[in-house]
């Protein structure tokens, strides 16, 4: 079975994944009285591991909650040298280009990966290494912030798989990469 790299992100209407100071509070602006996971548990059942950047890792550490992931997490960073002691068996630091990172993770037996974090997603897109985009749009225009997309060396075609609407406001669309054979 071919490895798969999946992006699962919340975004604003204007395609920002965080406010200009990293704010994420707007992701919870629509009440979720039924505590719907909006596809998160399905994703976690599909993937073997998670790749995220340093900023996303530090953001999760700042949530003041127990470590939320049961899957192995690979943090891409040039500057981090260690992880907190309580996460040593859950988090691995990697430093290298996208191909090196994927080869290293695949050699460890992890093939279906959740790709998370702004720069990480942008760099994987630049190298045409994303197989699926699962994007959840929150009905807000931030006007500025951390963008989901960056300039790409070439266009990437995706095909629409499905769209779901939660609470008549939150729109989640899934796209699969169309690759030429």
Protein backbone atom coordinates (compact mmCIF):
# COMPACT_ATOMS: atom_id res chain seq x y z
CA UNK A 1 0.00 0.00 0.00
CA UNK A 2 1.31 3.43 -0.98
CA UNK A 3 2.17 5.83 1.87
CA UNK A 4 -0.19 8.77 2.30
CA UNK A 5 0.35 12.28 3.65
CA UNK A 6 -2.80 13.98 4.90
CA UNK A 7 -3.29 17.61 5.92
CA UNK A 8 -6.11 18.24 8.44
CA UNK A 9 -6.40 21.92 9.33
CA UNK A 10 -8.88 24.56 10.38
CA UNK A 11 -8.73 27.81 8.42
CA UNK A 12 -10.45 31.14 8.07
CA UNK A 13 -12.40 32.13 4.96
CA UNK A 14 -9.31 34.06 3.84
CA UNK A 15 -7.08 30.96 4.29
CA UNK A 16 -5.26 31.79 7.52
CA UNK A 17 -4.58 28.98 9.99
CA UNK A 18 -3.78 31.28 12.91
CA UNK A 19 -3.99 34.95 13.72
CA UNK A 20 -0.98 37.24 13.23
CA UNK A 21 0.19 36.51 16.78
CA UNK A 22 -0.57 32.80 16.51
CA UNK A 23 -4.09 33.14 17.95
CA UNK A 24 -6.30 30.08 17.59
CA UNK A 25 -9.29 31.11 19.74
CA UNK A 26 -11.37 31.82 16.62
CA UNK A 27 -11.32 28.08 15.80
CA UNK A 28 -13.80 27.61 18.67
CA UNK A 29 -16.04 30.59 17.88
CA UNK A 30 -18.92 28.34 16.77
CA UNK A 31 -20.39 26.46 19.74
CA UNK A 32 -20.02 22.68 19.54
CA UNK A 33 -22.63 21.47 22.05
CA UNK A 34 -22.50 17.89 20.73
CA UNK A 35 -18.67 17.83 20.94
CA UNK A 36 -18.43 16.67 17.32
CA UNK A 37 -14.87 15.72 16.39
CA UNK A 38 -15.48 16.78 12.78
CA UNK A 39 -13.42 13.95 11.33
CA UNK A 40 -10.49 14.10 13.75
CA UNK A 41 -11.00 10.58 15.17
CA UNK A 42 -11.39 9.17 11.66
CA UNK A 43 -8.09 10.81 10.73
CA UNK A 44 -6.35 9.44 13.82
CA UNK A 45 -7.57 5.94 12.94
CA UNK A 46 -6.09 6.32 9.44
CA UNK A 47 -2.63 7.59 10.32
CA UNK A 48 0.40 5.90 11.87
CA UNK A 49 2.19 9.07 12.99
CA UNK A 50 2.10 12.87 13.00
CA UNK A 51 4.62 15.32 11.52
CA UNK A 52 4.52 18.88 12.82
CA UNK A 53 6.78 21.89 12.99
CA UNK A 54 8.35 23.45 16.05
CA UNK A 55 5.77 26.24 16.27
CA UNK A 56 2.85 23.78 16.26
CA UNK A 57 4.64 21.61 18.82
CA UNK A 58 5.22 24.59 21.12
CA UNK A 59 1.61 25.70 20.63
CA UNK A 60 0.33 22.27 21.73
CA UNK A 61 2.67 22.33 24.73
CA UNK A 62 1.16 25.70 25.69
CA UNK A 63 -2.43 24.39 25.77
CA UNK A 64 -2.06 23.39 29.46
CA UNK A 65 -3.54 19.94 28.81
CA UNK A 66 -2.21 16.40 28.87
CA UNK A 67 -0.29 15.46 25.71
CA UNK A 68 -3.20 14.92 23.27
CA UNK A 69 -1.65 12.43 20.84
CA UNK A 70 -1.51 8.65 21.12
CA UNK A 71 0.38 8.33 17.82
CA UNK A 72 4.13 8.98 17.53
CA UNK A 73 4.90 12.63 16.78
CA UNK A 74 7.86 13.78 14.69
CA UNK A 75 8.73 17.44 15.20
CA UNK A 76 10.70 19.14 12.45
CA UNK A 77 13.06 21.74 13.83
CA UNK A 78 16.48 23.22 13.18
CA UNK A 79 16.62 24.90 16.59
CA UNK A 80 15.09 22.46 19.11
CA UNK A 81 17.63 20.06 20.60
CA UNK A 82 15.49 18.29 23.21
CA UNK A 83 11.86 17.62 24.10
CA UNK A 84 10.37 17.68 27.60
CA UNK A 85 11.35 14.60 29.61
CA UNK A 86 7.73 13.36 29.85
CA UNK A 87 7.49 13.25 26.02
CA UNK A 88 10.80 11.50 25.24
CA UNK A 89 8.99 8.25 24.29
CA UNK A 90 6.27 10.08 22.32
CA UNK A 91 8.10 12.80 20.36
CA UNK A 92 11.09 12.53 18.03
CA UNK A 93 12.96 15.58 16.76
CA UNK A 94 14.02 15.52 13.09
CA UNK A 95 16.09 17.95 11.09
CA UNK A 96 16.38 17.64 7.32
CA UNK A 97 14.62 18.17 4.02
CA UNK A 98 11.18 16.72 3.37
CA UNK A 99 12.45 13.67 1.45
CA UNK A 100 14.93 12.81 4.21
CA UNK A 101 12.21 13.22 6.84
CA UNK A 102 9.76 10.96 4.98
CA UNK A 103 12.41 8.31 4.31
CA UNK A 104 13.43 8.31 7.98
CA UNK A 105 9.83 7.98 9.18
CA UNK A 106 8.92 5.33 6.58
CA UNK A 107 11.97 3.25 7.63
CA UNK A 108 10.50 3.24 11.13
CA UNK A 109 7.34 1.64 9.72
CA UNK A 110 5.09 4.72 9.67
CA UNK A 111 3.50 5.27 6.26
CA UNK A 112 0.22 7.14 6.66
CA UNK A 113 1.05 10.52 8.11
CA UNK A 114 -0.86 13.52 9.44
CA UNK A 115 1.04 16.62 8.28
CA UNK A 116 0.42 19.59 10.59
CA UNK A 117 1.68 23.15 10.93
CA UNK A 118 1.88 26.10 8.58
CA UNK A 119 5.46 25.97 7.31
CA UNK A 120 5.52 22.17 7.28
CA UNK A 121 2.36 22.00 5.15
CA UNK A 122 3.65 24.73 2.84
CA UNK A 123 6.99 22.97 2.37
CA UNK A 124 5.38 19.59 1.74
CA UNK A 125 3.12 21.24 -0.85
CA UNK A 126 6.12 22.90 -2.50
CA UNK A 127 7.65 19.44 -2.93
CA UNK A 128 4.33 17.88 -4.06
CA UNK A 129 4.23 15.56 -1.05
CA UNK A 130 0.61 16.03 0.05
CA UNK A 131 -1.91 13.38 -0.98
CA UNK A 132 -5.02 14.73 0.75
CA UNK A 133 -6.23 18.07 2.06
CA UNK A 134 -8.98 18.04 4.71
CA UNK A 135 -9.73 21.69 5.31
CA UNK A 136 -12.29 22.97 7.79
CA UNK A 137 -13.40 26.56 7.15
CA UNK A 138 -14.55 28.68 10.07
CA UNK A 139 -16.78 31.61 8.98
CA UNK A 140 -14.40 34.42 9.84
CA UNK A 141 -12.10 36.67 7.84
CA UNK A 142 -8.97 37.29 9.91
CA UNK A 143 -7.45 39.78 7.49
CA UNK A 144 -3.92 38.82 8.53
CA UNK A 145 -2.14 35.93 10.14
CA UNK A 146 -0.31 32.72 9.35
CA UNK A 147 -1.35 31.71 5.82
CA UNK A 148 -2.28 28.18 4.86
CA UNK A 149 -0.73 28.49 1.40
CA UNK A 150 2.47 30.00 0.06
CA UNK A 151 3.88 30.49 -3.43
CA UNK A 152 4.36 27.14 -5.19
CA UNK A 153 6.80 26.31 -7.99
CA UNK A 154 3.91 24.81 -9.98
CA UNK A 155 0.17 24.32 -9.76
CA UNK A 156 -1.09 21.23 -7.95
CA UNK A 157 -4.41 19.73 -9.02
CA UNK A 158 -6.72 18.14 -6.49
CA UNK A 159 -10.09 16.49 -6.94
CA UNK A 160 -12.97 17.13 -4.57
CA UNK A 161 -13.87 14.07 -2.50
CA UNK A 162 -16.61 15.39 -0.22
CA UNK A 163 -17.86 18.37 1.74
CA UNK A 164 -19.66 18.29 5.06
CA UNK A 165 -21.30 21.15 6.94
CA UNK A 166 -21.38 21.19 10.74
CA UNK A 167 -23.86 23.32 12.67
CA UNK A 168 -24.87 24.95 9.39
CA UNK A 169 -21.71 27.12 9.58
CA UNK A 170 -18.48 25.12 9.63
CA UNK A 171 -17.59 23.72 6.20
CA UNK A 172 -15.15 20.84 5.82
CA UNK A 173 -13.97 19.94 2.33
CA UNK A 174 -11.74 17.01 1.46
CA UNK A 175 -9.55 16.91 -1.64
CA UNK A 176 -7.33 14.18 -3.08
CA UNK A 177 -4.22 14.98 -5.10
CA UNK A 178 -4.58 14.25 -8.81
CA UNK A 179 -1.25 12.84 -9.88
CA UNK A 180 -0.35 12.15 -13.47
CA UNK A 181 0.84 8.63 -14.08
